[in-house]
Amino acid sequence: MVSIRAKIKSRLEKFLEVDSNGYRRAILCIFIKVKKATIDELHEMLSSKYNVSRNTVASMVGYIHSKLGILRAHKESYKTPMVYLLREEYIDLIMKIVASPEKTINDSTAWKNQYSGISHFHVVSDRQCQL
């Protein structure tokens, strides 16, 4: 029987194989760094580097949440937006897969500088998540 971690690893690798424009890897990198975010926050971060719609971001996050199983979703009340949290038990696995040298995102120092001051920032080396 295949473990859950092995299934998630396989799904993550397949998810990134078809990442032709870098959006998918960038979203995973953002989650590694900030741990939790709303769709609007993710869209704001991604749109500083990519020409991406809010619907595209929402679709990717929904897929990551439902199919990959590495996110938790939390809604404080019906008036607040859904907050997606990275599951702590998979951070090491995600970092390892994102760090794979097959596809890397071009360096953007301005993007790193803009989001490095976030209070719940998780240290990830430039080699692992080049944004």
N, C-alpha and C. Protein backbone atom coordinates (compact mmCIF):
# COMPACT_ATOMS: atom_id res chain seq x y z
N MET A 1 0.84 -1.19 0.00
CA MET A 1 0.00 0.00 0.00
C MET A 1 0.88 1.25 0.00
N VAL A 2 0.53 2.20 -0.82
CA VAL A 2 1.30 3.43 -0.96
C VAL A 2 0.89 4.42 0.13
N SER A 3 1.89 5.05 0.74
CA SER A 3 1.59 6.01 1.81
C SER A 3 1.00 7.30 1.26
N ILE A 4 0.37 8.04 2.12
CA ILE A 4 -0.24 9.32 1.73
C ILE A 4 0.84 10.29 1.25
N ARG A 5 1.98 10.33 1.95
CA ARG A 5 3.09 11.21 1.54
C ARG A 5 3.57 10.87 0.13
N ALA A 6 3.65 9.59 -0.18
CA ALA A 6 4.10 9.17 -1.52
C ALA A 6 3.09 9.61 -2.58
N LYS A 7 1.80 9.49 -2.27
CA LYS A 7 0.77 9.93 -3.21
C LYS A 7 0.85 11.45 -3.42
N ILE A 8 1.01 12.17 -2.32
CA ILE A 8 1.10 13.63 -2.43
C ILE A 8 2.34 14.03 -3.21
N LYS A 9 3.44 13.36 -2.97
CA LYS A 9 4.69 13.64 -3.70
C LYS A 9 4.48 13.44 -5.20
N SER A 10 3.88 12.33 -5.55
CA SER A 10 3.61 12.02 -6.95
C SER A 10 2.70 13.07 -7.59
N ARG A 11 1.64 13.45 -6.87
CA ARG A 11 0.70 14.45 -7.39
C ARG A 11 1.36 15.81 -7.54
N LEU A 12 2.21 16.17 -6.56
CA LEU A 12 2.93 17.44 -6.64
C LEU A 12 3.86 17.47 -7.85
N GLU A 13 4.57 16.39 -8.07
CA GLU A 13 5.49 16.32 -9.21
C GLU A 13 4.73 16.46 -10.53
N LYS A 14 3.59 15.78 -10.64
CA LYS A 14 2.77 15.89 -11.85
C LYS A 14 2.21 17.30 -12.01
N PHE A 15 1.81 17.90 -10.88
CA PHE A 15 1.27 19.25 -10.88
C PHE A 15 2.31 20.24 -11.41
N LEU A 16 3.56 20.05 -11.04
CA LEU A 16 4.62 20.96 -11.49
C LEU A 16 5.15 20.64 -12.88
N GLU A 17 4.98 19.41 -13.34
CA GLU A 17 5.44 19.03 -14.68
C GLU A 17 4.76 19.86 -15.76
N VAL A 18 3.51 20.20 -15.56
CA VAL A 18 2.76 20.95 -16.57
C VAL A 18 2.74 22.46 -16.29
N ASP A 19 3.67 22.90 -15.45
CA ASP A 19 3.75 24.32 -15.08
C ASP A 19 4.56 25.08 -16.13
N SER A 20 3.94 25.40 -17.24
CA SER A 20 4.66 26.03 -18.35
C SER A 20 5.02 27.49 -18.10
N ASN A 21 4.25 28.19 -17.27
CA ASN A 21 4.49 29.61 -17.07
C ASN A 21 5.01 29.97 -15.68
N GLY A 22 5.14 29.01 -14.79
CA GLY A 22 5.72 29.26 -13.47
C GLY A 22 4.73 29.63 -12.38
N TYR A 23 3.44 29.74 -12.71
CA TYR A 23 2.44 30.13 -11.70
C TYR A 23 2.36 29.11 -10.56
N ARG A 24 2.35 27.85 -10.92
CA ARG A 24 2.14 26.80 -9.92
C ARG A 24 3.29 26.76 -8.91
N ARG A 25 4.50 26.78 -9.42
CA ARG A 25 5.67 26.77 -8.53
C ARG A 25 5.68 28.04 -7.68
N ALA A 26 5.30 29.17 -8.27
CA ALA A 26 5.28 30.43 -7.53
C ALA A 26 4.26 30.38 -6.38
N ILE A 27 3.10 29.80 -6.62
CA ILE A 27 2.10 29.70 -5.55
C ILE A 27 2.62 28.83 -4.42
N LEU A 28 3.26 27.72 -4.75
CA LEU A 28 3.82 26.86 -3.72
C LEU A 28 4.90 27.58 -2.93
N CYS A 29 5.74 28.35 -3.62
CA CYS A 29 6.78 29.13 -2.95
C CYS A 29 6.18 30.17 -2.01
N ILE A 30 5.12 30.81 -2.45
CA ILE A 30 4.46 31.80 -1.59
C ILE A 30 3.93 31.12 -0.34
N PHE A 31 3.30 29.97 -0.50
CA PHE A 31 2.77 29.27 0.68
C PHE A 31 3.89 28.82 1.61
N ILE A 32 5.03 28.43 1.08
CA ILE A 32 6.16 28.06 1.93
C ILE A 32 6.60 29.26 2.75
N LYS A 33 6.59 30.42 2.12
CA LYS A 33 7.07 31.63 2.80
C LYS A 33 6.07 32.21 3.79
N VAL A 34 4.81 32.30 3.40
CA VAL A 34 3.84 33.00 4.26
C VAL A 34 2.96 32.06 5.08
N LYS A 35 2.94 30.80 4.76
CA LYS A 35 2.16 29.76 5.45
C LYS A 35 0.65 29.86 5.30
N LYS A 36 0.10 31.07 5.28
CA LYS A 36 -1.35 31.20 5.11
C LYS A 36 -1.66 32.46 4.31
N ALA A 37 -2.71 32.37 3.49
CA ALA A 37 -3.08 33.50 2.65
C ALA A 37 -4.49 33.32 2.11
N THR A 38 -5.10 34.43 1.74
CA THR A 38 -6.39 34.40 1.05
C THR A 38 -6.12 34.44 -0.45
N ILE A 39 -7.15 34.21 -1.23
CA ILE A 39 -7.02 34.28 -2.69
C ILE A 39 -6.58 35.68 -3.11
N ASP A 40 -7.18 36.70 -2.51
CA ASP A 40 -6.82 38.08 -2.87
C ASP A 40 -5.36 38.39 -2.56
N GLU A 41 -4.86 37.91 -1.42
CA GLU A 41 -3.45 38.13 -1.07
C GLU A 41 -2.53 37.41 -2.06
N LEU A 42 -2.87 36.18 -2.39
CA LEU A 42 -2.08 35.44 -3.35
C LEU A 42 -2.09 36.10 -4.73
N HIS A 43 -3.26 36.56 -5.13
CA HIS A 43 -3.36 37.23 -6.43
C HIS A 43 -2.50 38.49 -6.45
N GLU A 44 -2.54 39.25 -5.38
CA GLU A 44 -1.74 40.46 -5.30
C GLU A 44 -0.24 40.13 -5.41
N MET A 45 0.20 39.10 -4.71
CA MET A 45 1.61 38.71 -4.75
C MET A 45 2.01 38.20 -6.13
N LEU A 46 1.18 37.36 -6.72
CA LEU A 46 1.50 36.81 -8.04
C LEU A 46 1.42 37.84 -9.15
N SER A 47 0.45 38.74 -9.07
CA SER A 47 0.28 39.71 -10.15
C SER A 47 1.40 40.74 -10.18
N SER A 48 2.21 40.81 -9.12
CA SER A 48 3.36 41.72 -9.16
C SER A 48 4.43 41.19 -10.11
N LYS A 49 4.40 39.91 -10.42
CA LYS A 49 5.38 39.32 -11.32
C LYS A 49 4.76 38.75 -12.59
N TYR A 50 3.56 38.24 -12.49
CA TYR A 50 2.90 37.58 -13.63
C TYR A 50 1.61 38.31 -13.99
N ASN A 51 1.21 38.17 -15.23
CA ASN A 51 -0.07 38.68 -15.68
C ASN A 51 -1.08 37.55 -15.48
N VAL A 52 -1.66 37.49 -14.28
CA VAL A 52 -2.53 36.38 -13.91
C VAL A 52 -3.83 36.93 -13.33
N SER A 53 -4.94 36.28 -13.69
CA SER A 53 -6.23 36.74 -13.20
C SER A 53 -6.51 36.14 -11.82
N ARG A 54 -7.44 36.77 -11.12
CA ARG A 54 -7.84 36.28 -9.81
C ARG A 54 -8.47 34.89 -9.93
N ASN A 55 -9.24 34.68 -10.99
CA ASN A 55 -9.87 33.38 -11.21
C ASN A 55 -8.84 32.27 -11.42
N THR A 56 -7.76 32.59 -12.10
CA THR A 56 -6.69 31.61 -12.30
C THR A 56 -6.07 31.21 -10.97
N VAL A 57 -5.81 32.21 -10.13
CA VAL A 57 -5.23 31.95 -8.81
C VAL A 57 -6.21 31.12 -7.97
N ALA A 58 -7.47 31.50 -7.98
CA ALA A 58 -8.47 30.77 -7.21
C ALA A 58 -8.59 29.32 -7.68
N SER A 59 -8.52 29.12 -8.96
CA SER A 59 -8.59 27.78 -9.53
C SER A 59 -7.40 26.93 -9.09
N MET A 60 -6.20 27.50 -9.16
CA MET A 60 -5.01 26.75 -8.74
C MET A 60 -5.04 26.42 -7.25
N VAL A 61 -5.45 27.37 -6.44
CA VAL A 61 -5.51 27.12 -5.00
C VAL A 61 -6.58 26.06 -4.69
N GLY A 62 -7.70 26.12 -5.37
CA GLY A 62 -8.74 25.12 -5.19
C GLY A 62 -8.24 23.73 -5.56
N TYR A 63 -7.48 23.65 -6.63
CA TYR A 63 -6.92 22.36 -7.05
C TYR A 63 -5.90 21.86 -6.01
N ILE A 64 -5.03 22.75 -5.56
CA ILE A 64 -4.02 22.37 -4.56
C ILE A 64 -4.71 21.89 -3.29
N HIS A 65 -5.77 22.58 -2.90
CA HIS A 65 -6.49 22.21 -1.69
C HIS A 65 -7.21 20.87 -1.84
N SER A 66 -7.93 20.69 -2.92
CA SER A 66 -8.77 19.50 -3.05
C SER A 66 -8.02 18.28 -3.57
N LYS A 67 -7.16 18.44 -4.53
CA LYS A 67 -6.51 17.29 -5.17
C LYS A 67 -5.17 16.93 -4.54
N LEU A 68 -4.38 17.95 -4.17
CA LEU A 68 -3.07 17.66 -3.60
C LEU A 68 -3.14 17.43 -2.10
N GLY A 69 -4.07 18.08 -1.43
CA GLY A 69 -4.27 17.85 -0.01
C GLY A 69 -3.21 18.46 0.89
N ILE A 70 -2.53 19.50 0.44
CA ILE A 70 -1.47 20.10 1.25
C ILE A 70 -1.91 21.40 1.92
N LEU A 71 -3.16 21.80 1.69
CA LEU A 71 -3.68 23.02 2.29
C LEU A 71 -4.88 22.71 3.17
N ARG A 72 -5.04 23.54 4.18
CA ARG A 72 -6.26 23.54 4.99
C ARG A 72 -7.00 24.82 4.66
N ALA A 73 -8.30 24.77 4.72
CA ALA A 73 -9.10 25.96 4.48
C ALA A 73 -9.84 26.32 5.76
N HIS A 74 -9.85 27.61 6.07
CA HIS A 74 -10.52 28.07 7.29
C HIS A 74 -11.29 29.35 6.98
N LYS A 75 -12.52 29.39 7.46
CA LYS A 75 -13.36 30.57 7.27
C LYS A 75 -13.89 30.97 8.64
N GLU A 76 -13.52 32.16 9.08
CA GLU A 76 -13.90 32.66 10.41
C GLU A 76 -15.41 32.83 10.54
N SER A 77 -16.00 33.48 9.56
CA SER A 77 -17.46 33.66 9.54
C SER A 77 -17.89 33.77 8.08
N TYR A 78 -19.17 33.83 7.86
CA TYR A 78 -19.65 33.90 6.48
C TYR A 78 -19.26 35.19 5.78
N LYS A 79 -18.89 36.22 6.52
CA LYS A 79 -18.51 37.50 5.93
C LYS A 79 -17.02 37.60 5.60
N THR A 80 -16.21 36.70 6.12
CA THR A 80 -14.77 36.78 5.90
C THR A 80 -14.34 35.85 4.76
N PRO A 81 -13.24 36.19 4.10
CA PRO A 81 -12.78 35.32 3.02
C PRO A 81 -12.14 34.04 3.56
N MET A 82 -12.08 33.04 2.73
CA MET A 82 -11.46 31.77 3.08
C MET A 82 -9.95 31.98 3.20
N VAL A 83 -9.38 31.46 4.27
CA VAL A 83 -7.93 31.53 4.48
C VAL A 83 -7.38 30.13 4.27
N TYR A 84 -6.39 30.02 3.40
CA TYR A 84 -5.76 28.73 3.12
C TYR A 84 -4.44 28.66 3.88
N LEU A 85 -4.25 27.55 4.60
CA LEU A 85 -3.06 27.35 5.41
C LEU A 85 -2.30 26.13 4.90
N LEU A 86 -1.00 26.27 4.81
CA LEU A 86 -0.16 25.14 4.40
C LEU A 86 -0.06 24.14 5.55
N ARG A 87 -0.28 22.89 5.26
CA ARG A 87 -0.19 21.84 6.29
C ARG A 87 1.28 21.66 6.67
N GLU A 88 1.56 21.82 7.95
CA GLU A 88 2.93 21.75 8.47
C GLU A 88 3.61 20.42 8.14
N GLU A 89 2.86 19.33 8.14
CA GLU A 89 3.46 18.02 7.94
C GLU A 89 4.01 17.79 6.54
N TYR A 90 3.68 18.70 5.60
CA TYR A 90 4.15 18.53 4.22
C TYR A 90 5.14 19.61 3.78
N ILE A 91 5.53 20.51 4.65
CA ILE A 91 6.44 21.59 4.25
C ILE A 91 7.75 21.04 3.73
N ASP A 92 8.34 20.07 4.42
CA ASP A 92 9.62 19.52 3.97
C ASP A 92 9.50 18.87 2.60
N LEU A 93 8.42 18.16 2.36
CA LEU A 93 8.18 17.52 1.08
C LEU A 93 8.02 18.55 -0.04
N ILE A 94 7.25 19.58 0.23
CA ILE A 94 7.02 20.64 -0.77
C ILE A 94 8.32 21.37 -1.08
N MET A 95 9.10 21.69 -0.05
CA MET A 95 10.36 22.38 -0.26
C MET A 95 11.30 21.54 -1.12
N LYS A 96 11.34 20.26 -0.87
CA LYS A 96 12.20 19.36 -1.63
C LYS A 96 11.79 19.32 -3.10
N ILE A 97 10.51 19.22 -3.35
CA ILE A 97 10.02 19.15 -4.73
C ILE A 97 10.17 20.48 -5.45
N VAL A 98 9.86 21.57 -4.76
CA VAL A 98 9.99 22.90 -5.38
C VAL A 98 11.46 23.20 -5.68
N ALA A 99 12.37 22.66 -4.87
CA ALA A 99 13.79 22.91 -5.05
C ALA A 99 14.40 22.11 -6.20
N SER A 100 13.62 21.18 -6.76
CA SER A 100 14.16 20.36 -7.84
C SER A 100 14.60 21.25 -8.99
N PRO A 101 15.75 20.95 -9.59
CA PRO A 101 16.35 21.84 -10.60
C PRO A 101 15.70 21.81 -11.96
N GLU A 102 14.68 20.99 -12.18
CA GLU A 102 14.11 20.84 -13.50
C GLU A 102 13.54 22.14 -14.06
N LYS A 103 12.74 22.83 -13.27
CA LYS A 103 12.16 24.09 -13.70
C LYS A 103 12.36 25.11 -12.60
N THR A 104 12.95 26.25 -12.95
CA THR A 104 13.13 27.29 -11.95
C THR A 104 12.50 28.57 -12.46
N ILE A 105 12.10 29.39 -11.54
CA ILE A 105 11.50 30.67 -11.85
C ILE A 105 12.60 31.72 -11.85
N ASN A 106 12.55 32.64 -12.77
CA ASN A 106 13.55 33.69 -12.83
C ASN A 106 13.57 34.51 -11.55
N ASP A 107 14.77 34.98 -11.19
CA ASP A 107 14.95 35.75 -9.97
C ASP A 107 14.30 37.12 -10.10
N SER A 108 13.62 37.53 -9.07
CA SER A 108 13.01 38.87 -9.03
C SER A 108 13.30 39.47 -7.66
N THR A 109 14.36 40.23 -7.56
CA THR A 109 14.78 40.80 -6.29
C THR A 109 13.72 41.73 -5.73
N ALA A 110 13.05 42.48 -6.57
CA ALA A 110 12.01 43.40 -6.10
C ALA A 110 10.89 42.63 -5.41
N TRP A 111 10.49 41.49 -5.99
CA TRP A 111 9.43 40.68 -5.40
C TRP A 111 9.85 40.16 -4.04
N LYS A 112 11.10 39.66 -3.93
CA LYS A 112 11.59 39.14 -2.66
C LYS A 112 11.64 40.25 -1.61
N ASN A 113 12.12 41.41 -2.00
CA ASN A 113 12.22 42.52 -1.05
C ASN A 113 10.85 42.97 -0.57
N GLN A 114 9.88 42.96 -1.44
CA GLN A 114 8.54 43.43 -1.09
C GLN A 114 7.89 42.52 -0.06
N TYR A 115 8.10 41.20 -0.15
CA TYR A 115 7.40 40.27 0.72
C TYR A 115 8.28 39.64 1.80
N SER A 116 9.52 40.10 1.93
CA SER A 116 10.40 39.52 2.95
C SER A 116 10.07 40.02 4.35
N GLY A 117 9.31 41.10 4.48
CA GLY A 117 8.99 41.65 5.78
C GLY A 117 7.71 41.10 6.39
N ILE A 118 7.11 40.10 5.78
CA ILE A 118 5.87 39.53 6.31
C ILE A 118 6.15 38.89 7.66
N SER A 119 5.28 39.12 8.63
CA SER A 119 5.53 38.69 10.01
C SER A 119 5.62 37.18 10.17
N HIS A 120 4.90 36.41 9.37
CA HIS A 120 4.97 34.96 9.50
C HIS A 120 5.81 34.36 8.36
N PHE A 121 6.96 35.00 8.10
CA PHE A 121 7.87 34.62 7.03
C PHE A 121 8.65 33.37 7.41
N HIS A 122 8.71 32.41 6.53
CA HIS A 122 9.47 31.18 6.74
C HIS A 122 10.71 31.24 5.86
N VAL A 123 11.86 31.03 6.42
CA VAL A 123 13.11 31.15 5.67
C VAL A 123 13.26 29.99 4.71
N VAL A 124 13.39 30.35 3.45
CA VAL A 124 13.63 29.37 2.39
C VAL A 124 14.76 29.92 1.55
N SER A 125 15.73 29.12 1.25
CA SER A 125 16.88 29.62 0.50
C SER A 125 16.47 29.99 -0.92
N ASP A 126 17.28 30.86 -1.55
CA ASP A 126 17.00 31.28 -2.92
C ASP A 126 17.04 30.10 -3.88
N ARG A 127 17.86 29.12 -3.58
CA ARG A 127 17.95 27.96 -4.45
C ARG A 127 16.66 27.16 -4.43
N GLN A 128 15.97 27.13 -3.30
CA GLN A 128 14.74 26.35 -3.18
C GLN A 128 13.57 27.04 -3.85
N CYS A 129 13.45 28.34 -3.67
CA CYS A 129 12.30 29.08 -4.18
C CYS A 129 12.79 30.38 -4.79
N GLN A 130 13.05 30.36 -6.04
CA GLN A 130 13.53 31.57 -6.68
C GLN A 130 12.36 32.36 -7.22
N LEU A 131 12.04 33.43 -6.53
CA LEU A 131 10.93 34.28 -6.96
C LEU A 131 11.44 35.67 -7.26
